[in-house]
């Protein structure tokens, strides 16, 4: 992704196909992509601790093409670097990432909006991102 232009990162914790992720979080960014880009955001990306094949299939299912770029954080290195790891081993999901959104401009994080409770899509949702732009 270019580092000299603004972009929004929509991170989906847990796993694809959970209700919060697939029914509210990602669809919000898909639905509001044009509005977000009209505010000057060049790219919207969805990053999840999962492999590229799952992210590709999820993107096709959610019709993200041309709206949200799906990125795999297969080993969780990105989540770990941000300090947003979430241990869901007890539920059989391994290490994932907390749910968040981030606005990055010219390689600088301008805002990081982390959900405090699992299943929430409040501060990290597309509507909140639009209000912040």
Protein backbone atom coordinates (compact mmCIF):
# COMPACT_ATOMS: atom_id res chain seq x y z
CA UNK A 1 0.00 0.00 0.00
CA UNK A 2 1.28 3.47 -0.74
CA UNK A 3 2.58 5.21 2.34
CA UNK A 4 2.17 8.74 0.96
CA UNK A 5 -1.65 8.70 0.82
CA UNK A 6 -4.30 8.22 3.50
CA UNK A 7 -5.89 4.86 3.97
CA UNK A 8 -8.14 3.25 6.49
CA UNK A 9 -7.49 -0.17 7.95
CA UNK A 10 -10.49 -2.12 9.10
CA UNK A 11 -9.31 -4.98 11.31
CA UNK A 12 -11.61 -7.83 12.02
CA UNK A 13 -10.79 -9.81 15.11
CA UNK A 14 -12.02 -13.32 15.68
CA UNK A 15 -12.52 -15.13 12.41
CA UNK A 16 -14.31 -14.53 9.14
CA UNK A 17 -17.96 -15.57 9.18
CA UNK A 18 -18.61 -14.65 12.81
CA UNK A 19 -21.68 -12.40 13.14
CA UNK A 20 -19.83 -9.24 14.19
CA UNK A 21 -17.26 -9.59 11.44
CA UNK A 22 -19.36 -10.75 8.52
CA UNK A 23 -22.70 -9.14 9.30
CA UNK A 24 -21.64 -5.73 10.65
CA UNK A 25 -17.96 -4.80 10.53
CA UNK A 26 -16.77 -5.67 7.03
CA UNK A 27 -20.16 -5.02 5.35
CA UNK A 28 -20.17 -1.53 6.84
CA UNK A 29 -16.88 -0.71 5.12
CA UNK A 30 -18.03 -2.30 1.86
CA UNK A 31 -21.29 -0.32 1.94
CA UNK A 32 -19.60 2.97 2.93
CA UNK A 33 -16.45 2.60 0.77
CA UNK A 34 -17.45 5.35 -1.67
CA UNK A 35 -18.31 7.74 1.17
CA UNK A 36 -15.02 7.04 2.95
CA UNK A 37 -13.01 7.47 -0.24
CA UNK A 38 -14.90 10.71 -1.00
CA UNK A 39 -13.43 12.07 2.27
CA UNK A 40 -9.90 11.60 0.87
CA UNK A 41 -9.07 8.02 1.84
CA UNK A 42 -7.32 6.31 -1.07
CA UNK A 43 -7.53 2.74 0.14
CA UNK A 44 -9.51 0.71 2.65
CA UNK A 45 -7.91 -2.52 3.82
CA UNK A 46 -9.20 -5.36 5.96
CA UNK A 47 -6.47 -7.19 7.86
CA UNK A 48 -7.17 -10.38 9.80
CA UNK A 49 -5.04 -13.04 11.45
CA UNK A 50 -5.78 -15.64 8.84
CA UNK A 51 -4.25 -17.01 5.64
CA UNK A 52 -4.50 -15.46 2.18
CA UNK A 53 -6.83 -18.20 0.91
CA UNK A 54 -9.40 -17.56 3.65
CA UNK A 55 -9.14 -13.81 3.17
CA UNK A 56 -9.62 -14.19 -0.59
CA UNK A 57 -12.68 -16.40 -0.16
CA UNK A 58 -14.12 -14.07 2.47
CA UNK A 59 -13.58 -11.08 0.21
CA UNK A 60 -15.40 -12.79 -2.66
CA UNK A 61 -18.27 -13.73 -0.35
CA UNK A 62 -18.54 -10.15 0.95
CA UNK A 63 -18.11 -8.58 -2.52
CA UNK A 64 -15.18 -6.43 -1.47
CA UNK A 65 -13.53 -6.17 -4.92
CA UNK A 66 -12.74 -2.57 -5.77
CA UNK A 67 -13.89 -1.43 -2.33
CA UNK A 68 -11.86 -3.09 0.44
CA UNK A 69 -8.48 -4.78 -0.01
CA UNK A 70 -8.30 -8.05 1.93
CA UNK A 71 -4.93 -8.64 3.62
CA UNK A 72 -3.76 -11.71 5.52
CA UNK A 73 -1.75 -11.45 8.74
CA UNK A 74 -1.13 -15.20 8.72
CA UNK A 75 1.22 -15.39 11.69
CA UNK A 76 -0.24 -12.44 13.55
CA UNK A 77 2.96 -10.42 13.21
CA UNK A 78 1.11 -7.20 12.35
CA UNK A 79 -1.31 -7.61 15.27
CA UNK A 80 1.60 -8.37 17.60
CA UNK A 81 3.57 -5.32 16.39
CA UNK A 82 0.55 -3.14 17.19
CA UNK A 83 0.12 -4.70 20.62
CA UNK A 84 -3.35 -5.91 19.66
CA UNK A 85 -2.96 -9.66 20.02
CA UNK A 86 -5.92 -11.49 21.46
CA UNK A 87 -5.52 -15.00 22.86
CA UNK A 88 -8.59 -17.03 21.97
CA UNK A 89 -6.93 -20.41 22.47
CA UNK A 90 -9.50 -21.49 25.06
CA UNK A 91 -12.18 -21.16 22.37
CA UNK A 92 -10.10 -23.08 19.83
CA UNK A 93 -9.28 -20.01 17.72
CA UNK A 94 -5.63 -19.52 18.70
CA UNK A 95 -4.12 -16.07 18.73
CA UNK A 96 -6.08 -13.44 16.83
CA UNK A 97 -6.31 -9.67 16.94
CA UNK A 98 -8.57 -7.32 18.79
CA UNK A 99 -11.16 -5.64 16.56
CA UNK A 100 -10.12 -2.13 15.57
CA UNK A 101 -9.98 0.45 12.83
CA UNK A 102 -7.00 2.62 12.07
CA UNK A 103 -6.49 5.71 9.95
CA UNK A 104 -3.00 5.98 8.48
CA UNK A 105 -1.77 9.03 6.59
CA UNK A 106 1.66 9.12 4.96
CA UNK A 107 2.76 6.15 7.05
CA UNK A 108 1.67 7.79 10.32
CA UNK A 109 -1.16 6.37 12.43
CA UNK A 110 -3.61 9.24 12.89
CA UNK A 111 -6.20 7.27 14.85
CA UNK A 112 -6.49 3.80 16.35
CA UNK A 113 -9.96 2.78 17.50
CA UNK A 114 -9.99 -0.46 19.50
CA UNK A 115 -13.18 -2.19 20.58
CA UNK A 116 -13.21 -2.96 24.30
CA UNK A 117 -15.61 -5.91 24.19
CA UNK A 118 -15.80 -8.90 21.84
CA UNK A 119 -18.69 -8.64 19.43
CA UNK A 120 -18.75 -4.84 19.51
CA UNK A 121 -18.63 -2.82 16.31
CA UNK A 122 -18.90 0.69 17.70
CA UNK A 123 -15.69 2.73 17.69
CA UNK A 124 -14.18 0.67 14.86
CA UNK A 125 -17.14 0.62 12.48
CA UNK A 126 -17.45 2.41 9.16
CA UNK A 127 -19.86 5.03 10.57
CA UNK A 128 -17.36 5.95 13.29
CA UNK A 129 -14.57 6.19 10.70
CA UNK A 130 -16.69 8.48 8.54
CA UNK A 131 -17.40 10.78 11.48
CA UNK A 132 -13.68 10.96 12.29
CA UNK A 133 -12.65 11.95 8.76
